[in-house]
Protein backbone atom coordinates (compact mmCIF):
# COMPACT_ATOMS: atom_id res chain seq x y z
CA MET A 1 -6.54 19.90 -0.56
CA THR A 2 -8.12 19.87 2.90
CA THR A 3 -6.07 21.37 5.68
CA SER A 4 -4.37 18.78 7.79
CA PRO A 5 -4.93 18.90 11.54
CA ALA A 6 -1.91 19.28 13.75
CA ALA A 7 -0.36 15.86 14.23
CA PRO A 8 -1.20 14.53 17.71
CA ARG A 9 1.62 13.80 20.06
CA PRO A 10 2.26 10.05 20.40
CA LEU A 11 0.79 8.71 23.62
CA GLN A 12 2.90 7.52 26.51
CA GLY A 13 2.64 5.07 29.39
CA HIS A 14 -0.75 3.63 30.33
CA ALA A 15 -2.56 5.85 27.84
CA ARG A 16 -0.54 4.27 25.03
CA ALA A 17 -1.26 0.79 26.39
CA ILE A 18 -5.01 1.45 26.56
CA VAL A 19 -5.17 2.80 23.02
CA ARG A 20 -2.98 0.04 21.60
CA ALA A 21 -5.11 -2.66 23.22
CA LEU A 22 -8.32 -1.19 21.82
CA LEU A 23 -6.74 -0.66 18.40
CA VAL A 24 -5.53 -4.23 18.10
CA ASP A 25 -8.16 -6.20 20.02
CA GLY A 26 -11.26 -4.13 19.32
CA PRO A 27 -13.89 -3.01 21.86
CA ARG A 28 -13.29 -4.39 25.34
CA SER A 29 -15.16 -4.29 28.61
CA ARG A 30 -13.53 -2.22 31.30
CA THR A 31 -13.09 -5.36 33.39
CA ASP A 32 -11.26 -7.24 30.61
CA LEU A 33 -9.15 -4.23 29.72
CA ALA A 34 -8.14 -3.57 33.33
CA THR A 35 -7.19 -7.23 33.76
CA GLN A 36 -5.14 -7.26 30.54
CA LEU A 37 -3.24 -4.12 31.52
CA ASP A 38 -2.94 -5.06 35.22
CA LEU A 39 -4.81 -1.95 36.34
CA SER A 40 -7.42 -1.46 39.01
CA ALA A 41 -10.91 -0.46 37.91
CA GLY A 42 -10.40 2.98 39.44
CA SER A 43 -7.08 3.52 37.66
CA LEU A 44 -8.55 2.51 34.32
CA THR A 45 -11.45 4.94 34.79
CA ARG A 46 -9.06 7.74 35.68
CA LEU A 47 -6.68 7.04 32.80
CA SER A 48 -9.39 6.55 30.18
CA LYS A 49 -11.34 9.72 31.04
CA PRO A 50 -9.05 12.18 29.18
CA LEU A 51 -8.87 9.80 26.21
CA ILE A 52 -12.68 9.82 26.04
CA GLU A 53 -12.81 13.60 26.41
CA ASP A 54 -10.30 14.00 23.56
CA GLY A 55 -12.37 11.68 21.34
CA ILE A 56 -9.55 9.16 20.95
CA ILE A 57 -11.64 6.39 22.49
CA ASN A 58 -15.36 6.22 23.17
CA GLU A 59 -17.92 4.29 25.18
CA GLN A 60 -19.99 1.68 23.40
CA PRO A 61 -23.59 0.76 24.18
CA SER A 62 -23.75 -1.90 26.87
CA THR A 63 -24.53 -5.41 25.64
CA GLU A 64 -25.71 -6.62 29.05
CA GLN A 65 -29.36 -7.51 29.59
CA PRO A 66 -31.46 -5.03 31.63
CA ALA A 67 -31.95 -7.69 34.31
CA SER A 68 -28.21 -7.83 35.06
CA ILE A 69 -27.34 -7.16 38.69
CA GLY A 70 -25.22 -4.11 39.42
CA ARG A 71 -24.04 -1.32 37.19
CA PRO A 72 -23.88 -2.36 33.49
CA SER A 73 -20.39 -2.60 32.04
CA VAL A 74 -19.82 0.00 29.33
CA PRO A 75 -17.29 -1.30 26.76
CA LEU A 76 -14.56 0.99 25.49
CA ALA A 77 -13.53 1.23 21.84
CA PHE A 78 -11.00 3.12 19.78
CA ASN A 79 -12.60 5.90 17.73
CA HIS A 80 -11.41 4.78 14.30
CA THR A 81 -13.59 7.28 12.43
CA ARG A 82 -11.82 10.27 13.96
CA TYR A 83 -8.60 9.65 12.03
CA ARG A 84 -7.55 9.17 8.43
CA PHE A 85 -4.15 8.10 7.12
CA ILE A 86 -2.73 7.83 3.63
CA GLY A 87 -0.64 4.75 2.85
CA ILE A 88 1.51 4.56 -0.28
CA LYS A 89 3.35 1.50 -1.57
CA LEU A 90 6.07 2.16 -4.15
CA THR A 91 7.22 -0.45 -6.66
CA LYS A 92 9.56 -0.14 -9.61
CA THR A 93 6.67 0.76 -11.92
CA HIS A 94 3.73 1.98 -9.83
CA ALA A 95 2.61 3.91 -6.80
CA TYR A 96 -0.38 2.43 -4.96
CA ALA A 97 -2.15 4.75 -2.53
CA ALA A 98 -5.01 4.29 -0.08
CA LEU A 99 -7.03 6.48 2.25
CA THR A 100 -7.68 4.46 5.40
CA LEU A 101 -9.25 4.70 8.80
CA ALA A 102 -7.05 4.05 11.82
CA ASP A 103 -7.86 0.33 11.68
CA ALA A 104 -6.51 0.11 8.10
CA ARG A 105 -9.95 -0.17 6.48
CA ILE A 106 -9.52 1.26 2.99
CA GLU A 107 -11.95 4.00 1.98
CA GLN A 108 -10.39 4.78 -1.37
CA LEU A 109 -7.63 3.16 -3.42
CA LEU A 110 -5.69 4.72 -6.30
CA THR A 111 -2.92 3.50 -8.60
CA ARG A 112 -0.54 5.59 -10.67
CA GLU A 113 2.16 4.48 -13.08
CA LEU A 114 5.55 6.01 -12.38
CA PRO A 115 7.06 7.91 -15.32
CA SER A 116 10.49 6.90 -14.00
CA THR A 117 12.11 5.84 -10.75
CA ALA A 118 13.87 9.20 -10.31
CA PRO A 119 13.08 10.50 -6.80
CA GLU A 120 11.66 13.77 -8.13
CA ASP A 121 9.24 11.95 -10.42
CA CYS A 122 8.12 9.64 -7.61
CA ILE A 123 7.60 12.54 -5.22
CA HIS A 124 5.54 14.39 -7.83
CA ILE A 125 3.26 11.35 -8.18
CA ILE A 126 3.07 10.93 -4.40
CA ALA A 127 2.10 14.57 -3.91
CA ASN A 128 -0.69 14.28 -6.49
CA LEU A 129 -2.00 11.11 -4.86
CA VAL A 130 -2.00 12.76 -1.43
CA LYS A 131 -3.83 15.79 -2.82
CA THR A 132 -6.49 13.64 -4.49
CA LEU A 133 -7.09 11.44 -1.45
CA SER A 134 -7.09 14.39 0.95
CA ALA A 135 -9.75 16.14 -1.10
CA ALA A 136 -11.92 13.01 -0.98
CA SER A 137 -11.54 12.48 2.76
CA ALA A 138 -14.29 13.32 5.23
CA VAL A 139 -11.57 13.96 7.82
CA PRO A 140 -8.30 15.71 6.96
CA PRO A 141 -5.55 13.04 6.93
CA HIS A 142 -3.21 13.10 9.89
CA ALA A 143 -0.11 11.56 8.28
CA VAL A 144 1.32 9.79 5.25
CA GLY A 145 3.08 6.44 5.36
CA ILE A 146 5.28 5.25 2.48
CA THR A 147 6.74 1.78 2.05
CA LEU A 148 9.16 0.33 -0.47
CA GLY A 149 11.50 -2.58 -0.95
CA GLY A 150 14.70 -1.28 0.56
CA HIS A 151 16.58 -0.23 3.66
CA VAL A 152 15.19 2.65 5.71
CA THR A 153 16.58 4.36 8.81
CA ASN A 154 14.61 6.20 11.51
CA TYR A 155 11.40 5.95 9.49
CA ARG A 156 12.76 8.85 7.43
CA HIS A 157 15.70 8.09 5.18
CA VAL A 158 16.02 5.54 2.37
CA THR A 159 19.63 4.38 2.44
CA HIS A 160 19.11 2.18 -0.59
CA ALA A 161 16.27 0.68 -2.64
CA ASP A 162 17.51 -1.68 -5.34
CA HIS A 163 14.30 -1.86 -7.39
CA LEU A 164 14.14 1.94 -7.57
CA ASP A 165 17.92 2.36 -7.95
CA TRP A 166 17.95 4.76 -5.00
CA ASN A 167 20.71 5.56 -2.57
CA ASP A 168 20.56 8.10 0.28
CA VAL A 169 17.16 9.64 -0.42
CA PRO A 170 15.63 11.73 2.43
CA LEU A 171 12.18 10.63 1.35
CA ALA A 172 10.14 11.65 4.39
CA GLN A 173 11.55 15.18 4.35
CA LEU A 174 10.95 15.59 0.61
CA VAL A 175 7.35 14.36 0.83
CA GLU A 176 6.63 16.59 3.82
CA GLN A 177 7.89 19.56 1.82
CA ALA A 178 5.61 18.61 -1.07
CA THR A 179 2.47 17.81 0.96
CA SER A 180 2.75 19.62 4.31
CA LEU A 181 1.77 16.35 6.00
CA PRO A 182 3.82 14.42 8.58
CA THR A 183 5.41 11.52 6.74
CA VAL A 184 7.00 8.24 7.79
CA VAL A 185 8.86 5.77 5.57
CA ALA A 186 9.39 2.05 6.20
CA ASN A 187 10.56 -1.13 4.56
CA ASP A 188 7.51 -2.71 2.94
CA ILE A 189 7.93 -6.13 4.57
CA GLU A 190 8.28 -4.67 8.06
CA ALA A 191 5.19 -2.53 7.54
CA HIS A 192 3.22 -5.40 6.02
CA THR A 193 4.18 -7.61 8.96
CA GLU A 194 2.90 -5.00 11.41
CA SER A 195 -0.34 -4.60 9.46
CA THR A 196 -0.80 -8.39 9.38
CA LEU A 197 -0.28 -8.53 13.15
CA TRP A 198 -2.70 -5.75 14.03
CA PHE A 199 -5.46 -6.12 11.46
CA GLY A 200 -4.75 -9.08 9.17
CA GLU A 201 -4.11 -12.81 9.13
CA GLY A 202 -1.94 -12.60 12.23
CA VAL A 203 -4.83 -11.61 14.49
CA GLY A 204 -5.45 -14.26 17.11
CA THR A 205 -1.89 -15.50 17.53
CA GLN A 206 1.08 -14.04 19.37
CA THR A 207 3.69 -15.83 17.25
CA PHE A 208 3.67 -16.04 13.47
CA ALA A 209 5.94 -15.68 10.47
CA LEU A 210 5.12 -13.76 7.30
CA PHE A 211 6.75 -15.06 4.13
CA THR A 212 6.19 -13.23 0.85
CA LEU A 213 7.10 -14.20 -2.68
CA GLY A 214 6.68 -11.98 -5.70
CA ALA A 215 9.18 -9.62 -7.26
CA GLY A 216 11.44 -10.53 -4.35
CA ILE A 217 11.52 -12.56 -1.16
CA GLY A 218 10.30 -11.12 2.13
CA TYR A 219 10.23 -12.39 5.69
CA GLY A 220 8.82 -10.98 8.89
CA LEU A 221 8.56 -12.52 12.36
CA ILE A 222 6.23 -11.80 15.28
CA THR A 223 6.97 -13.17 18.75
CA HIS A 224 4.91 -12.35 21.84
CA GLY A 225 2.88 -9.92 19.78
CA GLN A 226 5.90 -7.83 18.74
CA VAL A 227 7.69 -7.41 15.40
CA VAL A 228 11.20 -8.85 15.56
CA THR A 229 13.51 -6.46 13.77
CA ASN A 230 16.94 -4.91 13.69
CA PRO A 231 18.70 -2.36 11.44
CA GLU A 232 19.48 -5.05 8.84
CA ALA A 233 15.87 -6.20 8.38
CA GLY A 234 15.54 -4.22 5.15
CA TYR A 235 18.21 -6.25 3.35
CA SER A 236 15.90 -9.11 2.28
CA LEU A 237 18.06 -11.58 4.15
CA LEU A 238 16.30 -14.75 2.99
CA SER A 239 16.59 -13.95 -0.72
CA HIS A 240 19.38 -16.45 -1.24
CA PHE A 241 18.44 -19.04 1.35
CA PRO A 242 19.54 -22.47 -0.05
CA LEU A 243 16.66 -24.79 -0.98
CA GLU A 244 18.40 -27.37 -3.16
CA SER A 245 17.48 -31.01 -2.52
CA ALA A 246 17.39 -34.37 -4.29
CA GLN A 247 13.62 -34.05 -4.61
CA ILE A 248 13.88 -30.72 -6.46
CA ARG A 249 16.35 -32.29 -8.87
CA ALA A 250 13.92 -35.18 -9.34
CA TYR A 251 11.15 -32.77 -10.26
CA GLU A 252 13.46 -31.04 -12.73
CA ASP A 253 14.36 -34.41 -14.27
CA GLN A 254 10.71 -34.97 -15.14
CA LEU A 255 11.07 -32.33 -17.85
CA ALA A 256 12.06 -33.21 -21.39
CA SER A 257 15.84 -33.25 -21.62
CA THR A 258 15.85 -30.74 -24.46
CA HIS A 259 13.75 -28.24 -22.53
CA LYS A 260 14.87 -28.78 -18.97
CA ALA A 261 13.74 -25.83 -16.85
CA ARG A 262 16.75 -25.79 -14.55
CA ALA A 263 16.52 -23.88 -11.32
CA PHE A 264 18.35 -20.86 -12.70
CA ASP A 265 20.89 -19.21 -10.47
CA SER A 266 19.30 -15.80 -11.28
CA GLY A 267 22.75 -14.29 -11.74
CA CYS A 268 23.71 -14.84 -8.11
CA GLY A 269 25.59 -18.12 -8.55
CA HIS A 270 23.19 -20.07 -6.32
CA TYR A 271 21.45 -23.13 -7.66
CA ALA A 272 17.91 -23.40 -6.19
CA CYS A 273 18.10 -20.49 -3.77
CA ALA A 274 14.88 -18.77 -2.69
CA THR A 275 15.16 -16.11 -5.39
CA SER A 276 15.68 -18.61 -8.22
CA MET A 277 12.89 -20.92 -7.07
CA LEU A 278 10.20 -18.60 -5.73
CA THR A 279 10.19 -15.18 -7.41
CA LEU A 280 7.83 -14.23 -10.22
CA PHE A 281 10.50 -13.39 -12.77
CA GLU A 282 12.40 -16.65 -12.26
CA LEU A 283 9.26 -18.79 -12.36
CA GLU A 284 8.23 -17.14 -15.62
CA GLN A 285 11.75 -17.52 -17.03
CA ARG A 286 11.80 -21.21 -16.19
CA ALA A 287 8.36 -21.67 -17.76
CA ALA A 288 9.37 -19.83 -20.92
CA HIS A 289 12.58 -21.86 -21.22
CA THR A 290 10.68 -25.12 -20.77
CA LEU A 291 7.62 -24.43 -22.90
CA GLY A 292 9.40 -22.47 -25.61
CA ARG A 293 7.16 -19.39 -25.40
CA PRO A 294 6.44 -16.50 -23.00
CA VAL A 295 4.36 -17.70 -20.05
CA SER A 296 2.99 -15.50 -17.27
CA PHE A 297 2.81 -16.72 -13.70
CA GLN A 298 -0.97 -17.02 -13.84
CA GLN A 299 -0.72 -18.96 -17.11
CA LEU A 300 1.83 -21.28 -15.53
CA LEU A 301 -0.52 -22.01 -12.63
CA ALA A 302 -3.43 -22.57 -15.01
CA LEU A 303 -1.40 -25.00 -17.11
CA ALA A 304 -0.28 -26.91 -14.03
CA THR A 305 -3.86 -27.09 -12.72
CA ALA A 306 -5.00 -28.38 -16.12
CA GLY A 307 -2.45 -31.21 -15.93
CA ASP A 308 0.29 -30.02 -18.27
CA PRO A 309 3.22 -32.25 -17.15
CA GLN A 310 5.99 -29.71 -17.75
CA ALA A 311 4.14 -26.87 -16.05
CA GLN A 312 3.29 -29.23 -13.20
CA ALA A 313 6.94 -30.18 -12.75
CA ILE A 314 7.96 -26.50 -12.52
CA VAL A 315 5.18 -25.66 -10.09
CA ASP A 316 5.82 -28.74 -7.96
CA SER A 317 9.57 -28.18 -7.77
CA SER A 318 8.99 -24.62 -6.59
CA GLY A 319 6.21 -25.80 -4.30
CA TYR A 320 8.55 -28.33 -2.72
CA ALA A 321 11.14 -25.55 -2.31
CA LEU A 322 8.48 -23.42 -0.63
CA GLY A 323 7.67 -26.26 1.76
CA THR A 324 11.38 -26.61 2.50
CA MET A 325 11.46 -22.90 3.33
CA PHE A 326 8.45 -23.30 5.62
CA ALA A 327 10.25 -26.14 7.41
CA ALA A 328 13.35 -23.99 7.94
CA ILE A 329 11.28 -21.08 9.23
CA THR A 330 9.33 -23.33 11.58
CA ASN A 331 12.38 -25.23 12.83
CA LEU A 332 14.38 -22.07 13.50
CA THR A 333 11.77 -19.62 14.79
CA LEU A 334 8.90 -21.83 16.06
CA PRO A 335 5.91 -19.83 14.78
CA GLN A 336 2.38 -21.11 15.39
CA ARG A 337 1.28 -19.78 12.01
CA ILE A 338 2.87 -18.96 8.66
CA VAL A 339 1.15 -16.27 6.64
CA VAL A 340 2.00 -16.41 2.94
CA GLY A 341 1.74 -13.20 0.94
CA GLY A 342 2.98 -11.49 -2.19
CA GLU A 343 2.01 -11.64 -5.84
CA ALA A 344 3.09 -15.29 -6.17
CA CYS A 345 1.54 -16.57 -2.95
CA GLU A 346 -1.01 -18.66 -4.90
CA LEU A 347 1.86 -21.09 -5.55
CA ALA A 348 1.27 -22.38 -2.02
CA SER A 349 -2.29 -23.34 -2.93
CA VAL A 350 -1.78 -24.75 -6.43
CA ALA A 351 1.27 -26.79 -5.34
CA ARG A 352 -0.16 -27.70 -1.92
CA THR A 353 0.78 -31.38 -2.09
CA ALA A 354 4.39 -30.60 -2.99
CA VAL A 355 4.53 -27.83 -0.36
CA LEU A 356 3.43 -30.24 2.36
CA GLN A 357 5.93 -32.85 1.17
CA GLY A 358 8.74 -30.32 1.37
CA LEU A 359 7.59 -29.27 4.83
CA HIS A 360 7.33 -32.83 6.15
CA ASP A 361 10.58 -34.04 4.58
CA HIS A 362 12.50 -31.43 6.56
CA ARG A 363 10.64 -31.63 9.90
CA ASP A 364 10.65 -34.15 12.71
CA GLN A 365 7.73 -36.52 12.13
CA ARG A 366 6.50 -35.82 15.66
CA ALA A 367 6.31 -32.07 15.05
CA THR A 368 2.98 -30.35 14.44
CA ASP A 369 2.48 -28.50 11.18
CA PRO A 370 2.20 -24.73 11.51
CA GLU A 371 -1.11 -23.26 10.44
CA ILE A 372 -0.67 -21.84 6.93
CA ARG A 373 -2.80 -18.90 5.78
CA LEU A 374 -2.71 -17.17 2.40
CA GLN A 375 -3.18 -13.46 1.86
CA ASP A 376 -4.83 -11.72 -1.06
CA PRO A 377 -2.10 -11.44 -3.73
CA ASP A 378 -3.23 -7.92 -4.77
CA LEU A 379 -0.13 -5.77 -4.26
CA ALA A 380 -2.27 -2.64 -3.89
CA LEU A 381 -3.45 -3.92 -0.50
CA TRP A 382 0.07 -3.42 0.84
CA THR A 383 -0.92 0.23 1.16
CA ARG A 384 -2.54 -0.83 4.44
CA GLY A 385 0.90 -1.55 5.86
CA ALA A 386 2.08 1.94 4.97
CA ALA A 387 -0.99 3.45 6.60
CA VAL A 388 -0.55 1.32 9.74
CA VAL A 389 3.03 2.52 10.19
CA ALA A 390 1.85 6.12 9.88
CA MET A 391 -0.91 5.45 12.39
CA HIS A 392 1.41 3.65 14.80
CA ASN A 393 4.07 6.36 14.74
CA THR A 394 1.52 9.18 14.94
CA LEU A 395 -0.86 7.91 17.62
CA VAL A 396 0.98 5.29 19.63
CA GLY A 397 4.63 6.12 19.04
CA ARG A 398 7.63 3.80 19.26
CA ASP A 399 9.50 2.61 22.32
């Protein structure tokens, strides 16, 4: 394993603002950057000089024509190639790990099956992944970020993680002991929201919502370019949001009476809640119950696309529920854009007509539809969120 450099101290004040702006927005002219940060040209030059000397930011070749009058503007850029971070996403069955630059570009991606969900087994796998990625890195990694579905405090301690059956696991401390690298831990949705804001489908808007559907239900909100969060954000608070409507019952009634799919209550006692209508397991259960055989999510979508009436009714009822959820999110939090992610996000595309009907049926007719963008459903790409949290905490710090 390569030797890790000493972790840099998180930046403060104007230095933090300069670096954050260049990280998120890319190379900027000094004039634009000074205007954005409300600094004079002289102050920006003075504040950026030590950052350039330390190699944190650098000067880019001027794009102005030689005939330009006056001194050419020399754009500033964050030096992404100086840093490497390791992001790890834990699920109930696998650990996904990526070596990334500071802008979350993945250089190498690895996947390992977990022998069990016992913390010691997971930490052993994590340590091996960190060792392998560190050895392959041109620059010794500066920190490790780990994300999981669960509740995390102080970017250090997992208070509970239902899918892993964990309670009170000091994960950051244990991984640091095993790897000798600074480690941060975060809820996967919070981290994925931050990654989407900085380097993903949230770029270009100051207000958006992230809604994910897969093994569970996730929701993140960005307002004024900041993640909205509180200590309860890791509790998957929209998992049982009610989505029942007459239209969903009408879709269900299209199924043969002897094989009616029913929006199962998923053991929670809620008919047509978000979990029962939008998670992978419940969609596959409904399909198997209706069609009388095991059906994967991808097979269900393929059958619906091919015109199978029962598969179409299941997909459309869940699509309508998804549109209803989009309407609630938009009505309550007013995002300009909804980014849809998770392993089951393709539902939004295959059931697009039903999604839009659910959205419009629960919105004022005068209201404008939010822009809807889909993410890549590959769960391994959530490693970028883990790496971004490590980068943020290490370089920029938290207020």
